[in-house]
């Protein structure tokens, strides 16, 4: 799941950009799009992609606010949006993925959005550190078959029957993993690369492990399974 924030003090502009973005989300990619009048309204966890208007309420400078707000989250993909091309030079002194001029053209939005998704995919494929007691492990997403949450611990079940445990919430873990990891149950994430079959209650993995699918998530899980097969066939 990628979290997208559209930050613009003009409600009409926010909604228009959201409507275009919803049509551009690729099959198999889950996105949550939030609308905000300014960056101070952001809440609910880290943002993956931020579309930020350069001129916000009361003349606030969106560039300066981005630098301040995302100083601790350098992996966020920032795309500036403005009706004032004179800000172009100021934008290119900052780290960003795109610069869109209003009225935003669909193709330019598509190009910037897909560049951001490609960079996020590359970031999430990289190994990350997990810690348990005095040991730190390098977790490689490509080697994780599924993740299980149990009694405040998360268990990374990897290839070759290798398991790593850590104190993490699934909601935090899913934000660090590639889109092929599907949240099929309140206590499970599954790597669709290792799924060989789906039933009404489980994913069956390549080593015959059964990963449960909750009843309310089954329809989404089934759709994700078929999208993943189709994308690999392409």
C-alpha atoms as a PDB file:
ATOM      1  CA  UNK A   1       0.000   0.000   0.000  1.00  0.00           C
ATOM      2  CA  UNK A   2       1.343   3.405  -0.985  1.00  0.00           C
ATOM      3  CA  UNK A   3       0.057   6.465   0.853  1.00  0.00           C
ATOM      4  CA  UNK A   4      -0.371   9.534  -1.356  1.00  0.00           C
ATOM      5  CA  UNK A   5      -0.988  13.062  -0.042  1.00  0.00           C
ATOM      6  CA  UNK A   6      -2.348  15.881  -2.202  1.00  0.00           C
ATOM      7  CA  UNK A   7      -1.602  19.183  -0.464  1.00  0.00           C
ATOM      8  CA  UNK A   8      -3.353  22.224  -1.931  1.00  0.00           C
ATOM      9  CA  UNK A   9      -5.443  24.951  -0.294  1.00  0.00           C
ATOM     10  CA  UNK A  10      -7.809  24.913  -3.285  1.00  0.00           C
ATOM     11  CA  UNK A  11     -10.376  22.153  -2.760  1.00  0.00           C
ATOM     12  CA  UNK A  12     -11.368  22.038  -6.438  1.00  0.00           C
ATOM     13  CA  UNK A  13      -7.735  21.555  -7.498  1.00  0.00           C
ATOM     14  CA  UNK A  14      -7.229  18.838  -4.856  1.00  0.00           C
ATOM     15  CA  UNK A  15     -10.225  16.833  -6.003  1.00  0.00           C
ATOM     16  CA  UNK A  16      -9.392  17.213  -9.707  1.00  0.00           C
ATOM     17  CA  UNK A  17      -5.880  15.893  -9.136  1.00  0.00           C
ATOM     18  CA  UNK A  18      -7.205  12.997  -7.043  1.00  0.00           C
ATOM     19  CA  UNK A  19      -9.691  12.022  -9.758  1.00  0.00           C
ATOM     20  CA  UNK A  20      -6.942  11.901 -12.382  1.00  0.00           C
ATOM     21  CA  UNK A  21      -4.616   9.950 -10.097  1.00  0.00           C
ATOM     22  CA  UNK A  22      -7.241   7.312  -9.336  1.00  0.00           C
ATOM     23  CA  UNK A  23      -7.438   6.566 -13.071  1.00  0.00           C
ATOM     24  CA  UNK A  24      -3.635   6.238 -13.325  1.00  0.00           C
ATOM     25  CA  UNK A  25      -3.004   3.715 -10.532  1.00  0.00           C
ATOM     26  CA  UNK A  26      -1.562   0.565 -12.191  1.00  0.00           C
ATOM     27  CA  UNK A  27      -3.247  -2.813 -11.761  1.00  0.00           C
ATOM     28  CA  UNK A  28      -1.931  -4.626  -8.723  1.00  0.00           C
ATOM     29  CA  UNK A  29      -0.831  -1.448  -6.927  1.00  0.00           C
ATOM     30  CA  UNK A  30      -2.790  -0.367  -3.852  1.00  0.00           C
ATOM     31  CA  UNK A  31      -2.861   3.353  -3.089  1.00  0.00           C
ATOM     32  CA  UNK A  32      -4.551   5.475  -0.442  1.00  0.00           C
ATOM     33  CA  UNK A  33      -5.055   9.087  -1.551  1.00  0.00           C
ATOM     34  CA  UNK A  34      -5.584  11.780   1.093  1.00  0.00           C
ATOM     35  CA  UNK A  35      -6.528  15.433   0.509  1.00  0.00           C
ATOM     36  CA  UNK A  36      -5.066  18.190   2.714  1.00  0.00           C
ATOM     37  CA  UNK A  37      -5.160  21.966   2.832  1.00  0.00           C
ATOM     38  CA  UNK A  38      -1.587  22.162   4.121  1.00  0.00           C
ATOM     39  CA  UNK A  39       1.174  19.897   5.389  1.00  0.00           C
ATOM     40  CA  UNK A  40       0.229  20.483   9.038  1.00  0.00           C
ATOM     41  CA  UNK A  41      -2.941  18.444   8.430  1.00  0.00           C
ATOM     42  CA  UNK A  42      -0.976  15.283   7.588  1.00  0.00           C
ATOM     43  CA  UNK A  43      -1.480  12.500  10.110  1.00  0.00           C
ATOM     44  CA  UNK A  44      -1.801   8.741  10.254  1.00  0.00           C
ATOM     45  CA  UNK A  45       1.722   7.612   9.438  1.00  0.00           C
ATOM     46  CA  UNK A  46       4.390   8.226   6.795  1.00  0.00           C
ATOM     47  CA  UNK A  47       3.613   9.448   3.278  1.00  0.00           C
ATOM     48  CA  UNK A  48       5.116   7.772   0.200  1.00  0.00           C
ATOM     49  CA  UNK A  49       4.197  10.345  -2.484  1.00  0.00           C
ATOM     50  CA  UNK A  50       3.327  14.006  -1.832  1.00  0.00           C
ATOM     51  CA  UNK A  51       1.828  16.346  -4.440  1.00  0.00           C
ATOM     52  CA  UNK A  52       2.408  19.783  -2.933  1.00  0.00           C
ATOM     53  CA  UNK A  53       1.197  23.151  -4.183  1.00  0.00           C
ATOM     54  CA  UNK A  54       4.008  25.705  -3.992  1.00  0.00           C
ATOM     55  CA  UNK A  55       1.780  28.558  -2.810  1.00  0.00           C
ATOM     56  CA  UNK A  56      -0.385  27.483   0.136  1.00  0.00           C
ATOM     57  CA  UNK A  57      -2.736  29.355   2.476  1.00  0.00           C
ATOM     58  CA  UNK A  58      -1.800  32.894   3.443  1.00  0.00           C
ATOM     59  CA  UNK A  59       1.106  32.872   1.016  1.00  0.00           C
ATOM     60  CA  UNK A  60       2.920  29.984   2.755  1.00  0.00           C
ATOM     61  CA  UNK A  61       5.806  28.606   0.713  1.00  0.00           C
ATOM     62  CA  UNK A  62       5.229  24.928  -0.079  1.00  0.00           C
ATOM     63  CA  UNK A  63       8.909  24.368  -0.892  1.00  0.00           C
ATOM     64  CA  UNK A  64      10.050  25.530   2.542  1.00  0.00           C
ATOM     65  CA  UNK A  65       7.308  23.539   4.251  1.00  0.00           C
ATOM     66  CA  UNK A  66       8.274  20.381   2.367  1.00  0.00           C
ATOM     67  CA  UNK A  67      11.912  20.757   3.408  1.00  0.00           C
ATOM     68  CA  UNK A  68      10.847  21.155   7.033  1.00  0.00           C
ATOM     69  CA  UNK A  69       8.044  18.572   7.155  1.00  0.00           C
ATOM     70  CA  UNK A  70       9.868  15.731   5.387  1.00  0.00           C
ATOM     71  CA  UNK A  71      13.353  16.357   6.808  1.00  0.00           C
ATOM     72  CA  UNK A  72      13.172  13.053   8.717  1.00  0.00           C
ATOM     73  CA  UNK A  73      11.623  11.056   5.850  1.00  0.00           C
ATOM     74  CA  UNK A  74      13.978  11.471   2.873  1.00  0.00           C
ATOM     75  CA  UNK A  75      12.397   8.568   0.952  1.00  0.00           C
ATOM     76  CA  UNK A  76       9.126  10.438   0.333  1.00  0.00           C
ATOM     77  CA  UNK A  77       8.641  11.217  -3.364  1.00  0.00           C
ATOM     78  CA  UNK A  78       7.740  14.906  -3.701  1.00  0.00           C
ATOM     79  CA  UNK A  79       5.995  16.281  -6.794  1.00  0.00           C
ATOM     80  CA  UNK A  80       5.463  20.049  -6.816  1.00  0.00           C
ATOM     81  CA  UNK A  81       2.346  21.534  -8.401  1.00  0.00           C
ATOM     82  CA  UNK A  82       1.936  25.227  -9.183  1.00  0.00           C
ATOM     83  CA  UNK A  83       0.319  27.801 -11.404  1.00  0.00           C
ATOM     84  CA  UNK A  84       3.424  29.989 -11.264  1.00  0.00           C
ATOM     85  CA  UNK A  85       6.273  28.883 -13.536  1.00  0.00           C
ATOM     86  CA  UNK A  86       8.596  31.506 -12.002  1.00  0.00           C
ATOM     87  CA  UNK A  87       9.068  29.096  -9.072  1.00  0.00           C
ATOM     88  CA  UNK A  88      10.693  26.522 -11.331  1.00  0.00           C
ATOM     89  CA  UNK A  89      14.287  27.527 -10.495  1.00  0.00           C
ATOM     90  CA  UNK A  90      13.613  27.414  -6.734  1.00  0.00           C
ATOM     91  CA  UNK A  91      12.134  23.912  -7.054  1.00  0.00           C
ATOM     92  CA  UNK A  92      15.225  22.520  -8.744  1.00  0.00           C
ATOM     93  CA  UNK A  93      17.345  23.421  -5.752  1.00  0.00           C
ATOM     94  CA  UNK A  94      15.410  20.808  -3.766  1.00  0.00           C
ATOM     95  CA  UNK A  95      15.014  17.037  -3.920  1.00  0.00           C
ATOM     96  CA  UNK A  96      11.868  16.152  -5.861  1.00  0.00           C
ATOM     97  CA  UNK A  97      10.525  13.766  -8.494  1.00  0.00           C
ATOM     98  CA  UNK A  98       8.540  16.181 -10.666  1.00  0.00           C
ATOM     99  CA  UNK A  99       7.257  19.697 -11.270  1.00  0.00           C
ATOM    100  CA  UNK A 100       3.732  20.118 -12.687  1.00  0.00           C
ATOM    101  CA  UNK A 101       2.203  23.355 -13.916  1.00  0.00           C
ATOM    102  CA  UNK A 102      -1.530  23.987 -13.501  1.00  0.00           C
ATOM    103  CA  UNK A 103      -3.765  23.123 -15.195  1.00  0.00           C
ATOM    104  CA  UNK A 104      -2.097  19.746 -14.824  1.00  0.00           C
ATOM    105  CA  UNK A 105      -1.962  17.691 -18.026  1.00  0.00           C
ATOM    106  CA  UNK A 106      -2.838  14.016 -17.705  1.00  0.00           C
ATOM    107  CA  UNK A 107       0.272  12.744 -19.508  1.00  0.00           C
ATOM    108  CA  UNK A 108       2.631  14.875 -17.422  1.00  0.00           C
ATOM    109  CA  UNK A 109       0.909  13.703 -14.247  1.00  0.00           C
ATOM    110  CA  UNK A 110       1.158  10.103 -15.414  1.00  0.00           C
ATOM    111  CA  UNK A 111       4.884  10.431 -16.139  1.00  0.00           C
ATOM    112  CA  UNK A 112       5.672  11.967 -12.735  1.00  0.00           C
ATOM    113  CA  UNK A 113       3.435   9.534 -10.840  1.00  0.00           C
ATOM    114  CA  UNK A 114       4.946   6.454 -12.476  1.00  0.00           C
ATOM    115  CA  UNK A 115       8.493   7.710 -11.876  1.00  0.00           C
ATOM    116  CA  UNK A 116       7.593   8.043  -8.201  1.00  0.00           C
ATOM    117  CA  UNK A 117       6.165   4.502  -8.114  1.00  0.00           C
ATOM    118  CA  UNK A 118       9.278   3.101  -9.793  1.00  0.00           C
ATOM    119  CA  UNK A 119      11.524   4.765  -7.218  1.00  0.00           C
ATOM    120  CA  UNK A 120       9.368   3.527  -4.343  1.00  0.00           C
ATOM    121  CA  UNK A 121       9.477   0.012  -5.748  1.00  0.00           C
ATOM    122  CA  UNK A 122      13.276   0.180  -5.911  1.00  0.00           C
ATOM    123  CA  UNK A 123      13.460   1.481  -2.335  1.00  0.00           C
ATOM    124  CA  UNK A 124      11.211  -1.269  -0.991  1.00  0.00           C
ATOM    125  CA  UNK A 125      13.232  -3.981  -2.716  1.00  0.00           C
ATOM    126  CA  UNK A 126      16.264  -3.005  -0.676  1.00  0.00           C
ATOM    127  CA  UNK A 127      17.083  -4.957   2.490  1.00  0.00           C
ATOM    128  CA  UNK A 128      16.160  -3.324   5.788  1.00  0.00           C
ATOM    129  CA  UNK A 129      17.185  -3.945   9.371  1.00  0.00           C
ATOM    130  CA  UNK A 130      15.035  -5.659  11.989  1.00  0.00           C
ATOM    131  CA  UNK A 131      16.129  -6.177  15.563  1.00  0.00           C
ATOM    132  CA  UNK A 132      15.358  -8.738  18.227  1.00  0.00           C
ATOM    133  CA  UNK A 133      16.990  -8.384  21.617  1.00  0.00           C
ATOM    134  CA  UNK A 134      20.717  -7.886  20.943  1.00  0.00           C
ATOM    135  CA  UNK A 135      20.744  -9.096  17.320  1.00  0.00           C
ATOM    136  CA  UNK A 136      20.066  -7.083  14.164  1.00  0.00           C
ATOM    137  CA  UNK A 137      19.105  -8.898  10.966  1.00  0.00           C
ATOM    138  CA  UNK A 138      19.221  -7.781   7.335  1.00  0.00           C
ATOM    139  CA  UNK A 139      15.792  -8.586   5.922  1.00  0.00           C
ATOM    140  CA  UNK A 140      15.674  -9.130   2.137  1.00  0.00           C
ATOM    141  CA  UNK A 141      12.087  -8.807   0.802  1.00  0.00           C
ATOM    142  CA  UNK A 142      12.745 -11.291  -2.014  1.00  0.00           C
ATOM    143  CA  UNK A 143      13.493 -14.011   0.558  1.00  0.00           C
ATOM    144  CA  UNK A 144      10.423 -13.458   2.748  1.00  0.00           C
ATOM    145  CA  UNK A 145       7.581 -15.893   1.995  1.00  0.00           C
ATOM    146  CA  UNK A 146       5.102 -14.490   4.526  1.00  0.00           C
ATOM    147  CA  UNK A 147       4.935 -12.489   7.742  1.00  0.00           C
ATOM    148  CA  UNK A 148       2.927 -13.553  10.779  1.00  0.00           C
ATOM    149  CA  UNK A 149       1.923 -11.417  13.764  1.00  0.00           C
ATOM    150  CA  UNK A 150       1.506 -13.225  17.085  1.00  0.00           C
ATOM    151  CA  UNK A 151       1.639 -12.062  20.708  1.00  0.00           C
ATOM    152  CA  UNK A 152       3.200  -8.656  19.938  1.00  0.00           C
ATOM    153  CA  UNK A 153       5.882 -10.262  17.783  1.00  0.00           C
ATOM    154  CA  UNK A 154       6.208 -10.334  13.998  1.00  0.00           C
ATOM    155  CA  UNK A 155       7.690 -13.474  12.437  1.00  0.00           C
ATOM    156  CA  UNK A 156       9.366 -13.200   9.036  1.00  0.00           C
ATOM    157  CA  UNK A 157       9.103 -16.673   7.503  1.00  0.00           C
ATOM    158  CA  UNK A 158      11.792 -16.888   4.846  1.00  0.00           C
ATOM    159  CA  UNK A 159      13.000 -19.403   2.282  1.00  0.00           C
ATOM    160  CA  UNK A 160      14.898 -22.466   3.509  1.00  0.00           C
ATOM    161  CA  UNK A 161      12.722 -22.615   6.656  1.00  0.00           C
ATOM    162  CA  UNK A 162      14.487 -19.599   8.125  1.00  0.00           C
ATOM    163  CA  UNK A 163      12.476 -17.421  10.545  1.00  0.00           C
ATOM    164  CA  UNK A 164      13.299 -14.039  12.060  1.00  0.00           C
ATOM    165  CA  UNK A 165      11.208 -12.454  14.802  1.00  0.00           C
ATOM    166  CA  UNK A 166      11.024  -8.842  15.901  1.00  0.00           C
ATOM    167  CA  UNK A 167       8.822  -6.401  17.768  1.00  0.00           C
ATOM    168  CA  UNK A 168       6.976  -4.696  14.888  1.00  0.00           C
ATOM    169  CA  UNK A 169       3.372  -4.135  13.868  1.00  0.00           C
ATOM    170  CA  UNK A 170       2.159  -5.526  10.550  1.00  0.00           C
ATOM    171  CA  UNK A 171       0.948  -2.046   9.593  1.00  0.00           C
ATOM    172  CA  UNK A 172       4.530  -0.783   9.875  1.00  0.00           C
ATOM    173  CA  UNK A 173       5.988  -3.784   8.066  1.00  0.00           C
ATOM    174  CA  UNK A 174       3.683  -3.584   5.044  1.00  0.00           C
ATOM    175  CA  UNK A 175       4.832   0.007   4.457  1.00  0.00           C
ATOM    176  CA  UNK A 176       8.400  -1.248   4.057  1.00  0.00           C
ATOM    177  CA  UNK A 177       7.687  -4.107   1.663  1.00  0.00           C
ATOM    178  CA  UNK A 178       7.055  -4.189  -2.120  1.00  0.00           C
ATOM    179  CA  UNK A 179       3.525  -4.157  -3.519  1.00  0.00           C
ATOM    180  CA  UNK A 180       3.541  -7.941  -4.097  1.00  0.00           C
ATOM    181  CA  UNK A 181       3.080  -8.443  -0.328  1.00  0.00           C
ATOM    182  CA  UNK A 182      -0.642  -8.704   0.331  1.00  0.00           C
ATOM    183  CA  UNK A 183      -2.344  -8.124   3.704  1.00  0.00           C
ATOM    184  CA  UNK A 184      -4.654 -11.139   3.517  1.00  0.00           C
ATOM    185  CA  UNK A 185      -5.497 -11.451   7.215  1.00  0.00           C
ATOM    186  CA  UNK A 186      -5.246  -9.203  10.270  1.00  0.00           C
ATOM    187  CA  UNK A 187      -2.269 -11.339  11.360  1.00  0.00           C
ATOM    188  CA  UNK A 188      -0.651 -12.204   8.013  1.00  0.00           C
ATOM    189  CA  UNK A 189       1.129 -10.702   5.014  1.00  0.00           C
ATOM    190  CA  UNK A 190       1.924 -12.971   2.082  1.00  0.00           C
ATOM    191  CA  UNK A 191       4.484 -12.617  -0.706  1.00  0.00           C
ATOM    192  CA  UNK A 192       2.482 -13.428  -3.838  1.00  0.00           C
ATOM    193  CA  UNK A 193       5.663 -14.563  -5.609  1.00  0.00           C
ATOM    194  CA  UNK A 194       5.523 -17.723  -3.481  1.00  0.00           C
ATOM    195  CA  UNK A 195       1.791 -18.450  -3.864  1.00  0.00           C
ATOM    196  CA  UNK A 196       0.938 -21.431  -6.031  1.00  0.00           C
ATOM    197  CA  UNK A 197      -2.797 -21.701  -5.274  1.00  0.00           C
ATOM    198  CA  UNK A 198      -5.705 -20.025  -3.514  1.00  0.00           C
ATOM    199  CA  UNK A 199      -8.694 -21.614  -1.778  1.00  0.00           C
ATOM    200  CA  UNK A 200     -11.694 -20.076  -0.055  1.00  0.00           C
ATOM    201  CA  UNK A 201      -9.734 -19.913   3.188  1.00  0.00           C
ATOM    202  CA  UNK A 202      -5.992 -19.974   2.406  1.00  0.00           C
ATOM    203  CA  UNK A 203      -3.104 -19.133   0.141  1.00  0.00           C
ATOM    204  CA  UNK A 204      -1.034 -22.243  -0.538  1.00  0.00           C
ATOM    205  CA  UNK A 205       2.672 -21.486  -0.891  1.00  0.00           C
ATOM    206  CA  UNK A 206       5.340 -23.256  -2.929  1.00  0.00           C
ATOM    207  CA  UNK A 207       6.434 -25.271   0.135  1.00  0.00           C
ATOM    208  CA  UNK A 208       2.782 -26.247   0.850  1.00  0.00           C
ATOM    209  CA  UNK A 209       2.447 -23.841   3.774  1.00  0.00           C
ATOM    210  CA  UNK A 210      -1.132 -22.581   4.186  1.00  0.00           C
ATOM    211  CA  UNK A 211      -1.474 -18.856   4.939  1.00  0.00           C
ATOM    212  CA  UNK A 212      -5.004 -17.975   6.112  1.00  0.00           C
ATOM    213  CA  UNK A 213      -7.228 -15.463   4.332  1.00  0.00           C
ATOM    214  CA  UNK A 214      -9.888 -13.780   6.454  1.00  0.00           C
ATOM    215  CA  UNK A 215     -13.454 -13.906   5.145  1.00  0.00           C
ATOM    216  CA  UNK A 216     -13.765 -10.142   4.737  1.00  0.00           C
ATOM    217  CA  UNK A 217     -10.436  -9.921   2.861  1.00  0.00           C
ATOM    218  CA  UNK A 218     -11.001 -12.882   0.539  1.00  0.00           C
ATOM    219  CA  UNK A 219     -12.336 -10.932  -2.447  1.00  0.00           C
ATOM    220  CA  UNK A 220      -9.366  -8.509  -2.373  1.00  0.00           C
ATOM    221  CA  UNK A 221      -6.956 -11.410  -1.888  1.00  0.00           C
ATOM    222  CA  UNK A 222      -8.393 -13.276  -4.860  1.00  0.00           C
ATOM    223  CA  UNK A 223      -8.169 -10.148  -7.043  1.00  0.00           C
ATOM    224  CA  UNK A 224      -4.566  -9.589  -5.941  1.00  0.00           C
ATOM    225  CA  UNK A 225      -3.703 -13.213  -6.732  1.00  0.00           C
ATOM    226  CA  UNK A 226      -5.064 -12.995 -10.289  1.00  0.00           C
ATOM    227  CA  UNK A 227      -3.519  -9.560 -10.940  1.00  0.00           C
ATOM    228  CA  UNK A 228      -0.163 -10.901  -9.835  1.00  0.00           C
ATOM    229  CA  UNK A 229      -0.450 -13.891 -12.165  1.00  0.00           C
ATOM    230  CA  UNK A 230      -1.414 -11.659 -15.072  1.00  0.00           C
ATOM    231  CA  UNK A 231       1.403  -9.177 -14.434  1.00  0.00           C
ATOM    232  CA  UNK A 232       3.957 -12.001 -14.348  1.00  0.00           C
ATOM    233  CA  UNK A 233       2.532 -13.460 -17.551  1.00  0.00           C
ATOM    234  CA  UNK A 234       3.154 -10.116 -19.286  1.00  0.00           C
END
